[in-house]
């Protein structure tokens, strides 16, 4: 069903959209703006993915706990061997 009255603001918007694409300068400006926004969007996606991983990696590297060291009879610090009972219960 058609409306008997048209909205003049919709008509103005449609005329503005049509006339925007008729002017070559405006099309060039829009194209450059779209390219710039695409580049910014791409860089922000990379930063979102990799920056969080980088921060997690750096925090993990700096807060790494050192293994407990044993001192043998000669005074040499040695790293204690792993508990094989936990890893190999059949041994």
N, C-alpha and C. Protein backbone atom coordinates (compact mmCIF):
# COMPACT_ATOMS: atom_id res chain seq x y z
N UNK A 1 0.85 -1.17 0.00
CA UNK A 1 0.00 0.00 0.00
C UNK A 1 0.90 1.24 0.00
N UNK A 2 0.67 2.15 -0.93
CA UNK A 2 1.48 3.36 -1.03
C UNK A 2 1.00 4.39 -0.03
N UNK A 3 1.96 5.13 0.50
CA UNK A 3 1.60 6.19 1.43
C UNK A 3 1.17 7.42 0.62
N UNK A 4 0.11 8.07 1.05
CA UNK A 4 -0.35 9.24 0.29
C UNK A 4 0.60 10.43 0.41
N UNK A 5 1.34 10.49 1.51
CA UNK A 5 2.25 11.61 1.71
C UNK A 5 3.67 11.08 1.81
N UNK A 6 4.58 11.71 1.13
CA UNK A 6 5.98 11.29 1.23
C UNK A 6 6.69 12.20 2.22
N UNK A 7 7.72 11.66 2.82
CA UNK A 7 8.49 12.39 3.81
C UNK A 7 9.52 13.25 3.07
N UNK A 8 9.46 14.57 3.24
CA UNK A 8 10.42 15.43 2.52
C UNK A 8 11.86 15.21 2.97
N UNK A 9 12.05 14.77 4.21
CA UNK A 9 13.41 14.53 4.70
C UNK A 9 14.02 13.29 4.02
N UNK A 10 13.20 12.27 3.78
CA UNK A 10 13.68 11.10 3.05
C UNK A 10 14.06 11.47 1.62
N UNK A 11 13.24 12.34 1.00
CA UNK A 11 13.55 12.78 -0.36
C UNK A 11 14.85 13.57 -0.39
N UNK A 12 15.05 14.44 0.59
CA UNK A 12 16.31 15.21 0.66
C UNK A 12 17.51 14.29 0.84
N UNK A 13 17.37 13.29 1.70
CA UNK A 13 18.46 12.34 1.92
C UNK A 13 18.77 11.56 0.64
N UNK A 14 17.75 11.10 -0.04
CA UNK A 14 17.96 10.37 -1.29
C UNK A 14 18.61 11.25 -2.36
N UNK A 15 18.17 12.51 -2.45
CA UNK A 15 18.79 13.44 -3.40
C UNK A 15 20.25 13.70 -3.06
N UNK A 16 20.53 13.81 -1.77
CA UNK A 16 21.91 14.03 -1.33
C UNK A 16 22.80 12.84 -1.65
N UNK A 17 22.27 11.63 -1.48
CA UNK A 17 23.03 10.41 -1.78
C UNK A 17 23.29 10.33 -3.29
N UNK A 18 22.27 10.61 -4.08
CA UNK A 18 22.44 10.54 -5.54
C UNK A 18 23.43 11.59 -6.02
N UNK A 19 23.34 12.80 -5.49
CA UNK A 19 24.24 13.87 -5.94
C UNK A 19 25.67 13.65 -5.43
N UNK A 20 25.82 12.92 -4.32
CA UNK A 20 27.16 12.66 -3.79
C UNK A 20 27.97 11.83 -4.78
N UNK A 21 27.35 10.84 -5.38
CA UNK A 21 28.05 9.97 -6.30
C UNK A 21 28.18 10.57 -7.70
N UNK A 22 27.50 11.67 -7.97
CA UNK A 22 27.64 12.33 -9.27
C UNK A 22 28.91 13.16 -9.35
N UNK A 23 29.37 13.68 -8.22
CA UNK A 23 30.55 14.54 -8.19
C UNK A 23 31.80 13.67 -8.06
N UNK A 24 32.75 13.79 -8.99
CA UNK A 24 33.95 12.94 -8.99
C UNK A 24 34.87 13.24 -7.82
N UNK A 25 34.90 14.47 -7.36
CA UNK A 25 35.76 14.83 -6.22
C UNK A 25 35.25 14.12 -4.97
N UNK A 26 33.94 14.11 -4.78
CA UNK A 26 33.38 13.45 -3.62
C UNK A 26 33.62 11.95 -3.65
N UNK A 27 33.55 11.36 -4.82
CA UNK A 27 33.81 9.93 -4.95
C UNK A 27 35.26 9.63 -4.61
N UNK A 28 36.18 10.49 -5.05
CA UNK A 28 37.60 10.29 -4.74
C UNK A 28 37.85 10.44 -3.23
N UNK A 29 37.22 11.41 -2.60
CA UNK A 29 37.37 11.61 -1.16
C UNK A 29 36.82 10.40 -0.41
N UNK A 30 35.65 9.92 -0.84
CA UNK A 30 35.07 8.75 -0.19
C UNK A 30 35.96 7.53 -0.36
N UNK A 31 36.53 7.36 -1.54
CA UNK A 31 37.42 6.22 -1.79
C UNK A 31 38.65 6.28 -0.90
N UNK A 32 39.26 7.45 -0.78
CA UNK A 32 40.44 7.59 0.09
C UNK A 32 40.08 7.36 1.55
N UNK A 33 38.92 7.87 1.95
CA UNK A 33 38.47 7.68 3.32
C UNK A 33 38.20 6.21 3.61
N UNK A 34 37.57 5.52 2.67
CA UNK A 34 37.33 4.08 2.84
C UNK A 34 38.64 3.31 2.94
N UNK A 35 39.63 3.68 2.12
CA UNK A 35 40.94 3.01 2.18
C UNK A 35 41.63 3.25 3.53
N UNK A 36 41.56 4.47 4.00
CA UNK A 36 42.18 4.81 5.29
C UNK A 36 41.50 4.06 6.43
N UNK A 37 40.18 4.03 6.41
CA UNK A 37 39.45 3.33 7.46
C UNK A 37 39.72 1.83 7.39
N UNK A 38 39.85 1.28 6.19
CA UNK A 38 40.18 -0.13 6.05
C UNK A 38 41.55 -0.45 6.62
N UNK A 39 42.51 0.43 6.39
CA UNK A 39 43.86 0.23 6.94
C UNK A 39 43.84 0.30 8.45
N UNK A 40 43.13 1.27 8.99
CA UNK A 40 43.04 1.41 10.45
C UNK A 40 42.34 0.19 11.05
N UNK A 41 41.30 -0.29 10.40
CA UNK A 41 40.58 -1.47 10.88
C UNK A 41 41.49 -2.70 10.86
N UNK A 42 42.29 -2.84 9.79
CA UNK A 42 43.22 -3.97 9.67
C UNK A 42 44.27 -3.92 10.77
N UNK A 43 44.87 -2.75 11.00
CA UNK A 43 45.90 -2.62 12.04
C UNK A 43 45.32 -2.85 13.44
N UNK A 44 44.11 -2.39 13.66
CA UNK A 44 43.51 -2.61 14.98
C UNK A 44 43.19 -4.09 15.20
N UNK A 45 42.81 -4.80 14.16
CA UNK A 45 42.58 -6.25 14.30
C UNK A 45 43.88 -6.98 14.62
N UNK A 46 44.97 -6.60 13.95
CA UNK A 46 46.26 -7.21 14.24
C UNK A 46 46.68 -6.91 15.68
N UNK A 47 46.52 -5.66 16.09
CA UNK A 47 46.88 -5.30 17.46
C UNK A 47 46.02 -6.06 18.46
N UNK A 48 44.76 -6.23 18.17
CA UNK A 48 43.87 -6.94 19.08
C UNK A 48 44.29 -8.39 19.25
N UNK A 49 44.69 -9.03 18.17
CA UNK A 49 45.06 -10.44 18.24
C UNK A 49 46.45 -10.63 18.84
N UNK A 50 47.43 -9.91 18.31
CA UNK A 50 48.81 -10.20 18.65
C UNK A 50 49.33 -9.44 19.88
N UNK A 51 48.79 -8.26 20.15
CA UNK A 51 49.26 -7.50 21.30
C UNK A 51 48.91 -8.20 22.60
N UNK A 52 47.72 -8.77 22.67
CA UNK A 52 47.34 -9.49 23.89
C UNK A 52 48.21 -10.73 24.08
N UNK A 53 48.52 -11.42 22.98
CA UNK A 53 49.40 -12.59 23.07
C UNK A 53 50.81 -12.17 23.48
N UNK A 54 51.28 -11.04 22.97
CA UNK A 54 52.61 -10.55 23.33
C UNK A 54 52.69 -10.22 24.81
N UNK A 55 51.67 -9.56 25.32
CA UNK A 55 51.65 -9.22 26.75
C UNK A 55 51.62 -10.49 27.60
N UNK A 56 50.80 -11.46 27.22
CA UNK A 56 50.76 -12.72 27.96
C UNK A 56 52.12 -13.43 27.93
N UNK A 57 52.79 -13.40 26.80
CA UNK A 57 54.10 -14.04 26.69
C UNK A 57 55.14 -13.35 27.56
N UNK A 58 55.16 -12.03 27.54
CA UNK A 58 56.14 -11.28 28.34
C UNK A 58 55.88 -11.51 29.82
N UNK A 59 54.62 -11.49 30.23
CA UNK A 59 54.30 -11.72 31.64
C UNK A 59 54.69 -13.14 32.03
N UNK A 60 54.44 -14.11 31.16
CA UNK A 60 54.81 -15.48 31.45
C UNK A 60 56.31 -15.66 31.55
N UNK A 61 57.07 -14.95 30.73
CA UNK A 61 58.52 -15.06 30.76
C UNK A 61 59.11 -14.42 32.00
N UNK A 62 58.54 -13.32 32.44
CA UNK A 62 59.11 -12.61 33.60
C UNK A 62 58.68 -13.23 34.92
N UNK A 63 57.57 -13.93 34.96
CA UNK A 63 57.10 -14.50 36.22
C UNK A 63 57.33 -16.01 36.30
N UNK A 64 58.22 -16.53 35.47
CA UNK A 64 58.50 -17.96 35.46
C UNK A 64 59.20 -18.36 36.74
N UNK A 65 58.68 -19.41 37.38
CA UNK A 65 59.29 -19.87 38.63
C UNK A 65 60.50 -20.73 38.33
N UNK A 66 61.55 -20.55 39.13
CA UNK A 66 62.77 -21.34 38.97
C UNK A 66 62.59 -22.68 39.67
N UNK A 67 63.16 -23.76 39.13
CA UNK A 67 63.04 -25.06 39.80
C UNK A 67 63.83 -25.07 41.11
N UNK A 68 63.37 -25.90 42.02
CA UNK A 68 64.04 -26.02 43.32
C UNK A 68 65.36 -26.78 43.12
N UNK A 69 66.41 -26.22 43.65
CA UNK A 69 67.74 -26.84 43.46
C UNK A 69 68.16 -27.60 44.71
N UNK A 70 68.83 -28.69 44.50
CA UNK A 70 69.40 -29.48 45.58
C UNK A 70 70.91 -29.28 45.58
N UNK A 71 71.49 -29.32 46.75
CA UNK A 71 72.94 -29.25 46.86
C UNK A 71 73.43 -30.64 47.24
N UNK A 72 74.33 -31.19 46.43
CA UNK A 72 74.83 -32.53 46.76
C UNK A 72 76.00 -32.42 47.74
N UNK A 73 76.64 -33.55 48.01
CA UNK A 73 77.71 -33.59 49.01
C UNK A 73 78.90 -32.71 48.65
N UNK A 74 79.12 -32.47 47.38
CA UNK A 74 80.29 -31.68 46.96
C UNK A 74 79.98 -30.19 46.93
N UNK A 75 78.77 -29.80 47.28
CA UNK A 75 78.42 -28.38 47.30
C UNK A 75 77.98 -27.86 45.94
N UNK A 76 77.75 -28.76 44.99
CA UNK A 76 77.31 -28.34 43.66
C UNK A 76 75.79 -28.33 43.63
N UNK A 77 75.25 -27.24 43.15
CA UNK A 77 73.80 -27.14 43.04
C UNK A 77 73.33 -27.97 41.85
N UNK A 78 72.40 -28.84 42.11
CA UNK A 78 71.85 -29.67 41.04
C UNK A 78 70.33 -29.56 41.07
N UNK A 79 69.76 -29.59 39.89
CA UNK A 79 68.29 -29.57 39.78
C UNK A 79 67.78 -30.94 40.14
N UNK A 80 66.77 -30.99 40.98
CA UNK A 80 66.25 -32.28 41.42
C UNK A 80 65.60 -33.01 40.24
N UNK A 81 65.78 -34.31 40.18
CA UNK A 81 65.19 -35.08 39.06
C UNK A 81 63.68 -35.11 39.18
N UNK A 82 63.00 -35.29 38.08
CA UNK A 82 61.53 -35.35 38.15
C UNK A 82 61.07 -36.59 38.88
N UNK A 83 59.93 -36.48 39.49
CA UNK A 83 59.35 -37.61 40.22
C UNK A 83 58.75 -38.57 39.20
N UNK A 84 59.44 -39.69 38.98
CA UNK A 84 58.99 -40.63 37.95
C UNK A 84 57.75 -41.39 38.36
N UNK A 85 57.44 -41.46 39.64
CA UNK A 85 56.26 -42.18 40.08
C UNK A 85 54.97 -41.52 39.56
N UNK A 86 54.99 -40.21 39.43
CA UNK A 86 53.81 -39.51 38.95
C UNK A 86 53.62 -39.69 37.44
N UNK A 87 54.74 -39.72 36.72
CA UNK A 87 54.66 -39.81 35.27
C UNK A 87 54.55 -41.25 34.78
N UNK A 88 55.27 -42.16 35.45
CA UNK A 88 55.29 -43.55 35.04
C UNK A 88 54.90 -44.44 36.24
N UNK A 89 53.62 -44.63 36.47
CA UNK A 89 53.21 -45.35 37.69
C UNK A 89 53.59 -46.83 37.64
N UNK A 90 53.92 -47.39 36.50
CA UNK A 90 54.25 -48.81 36.41
C UNK A 90 55.72 -49.09 36.71
N UNK A 91 56.54 -48.07 36.87
CA UNK A 91 57.96 -48.29 37.15
C UNK A 91 58.22 -48.51 38.62
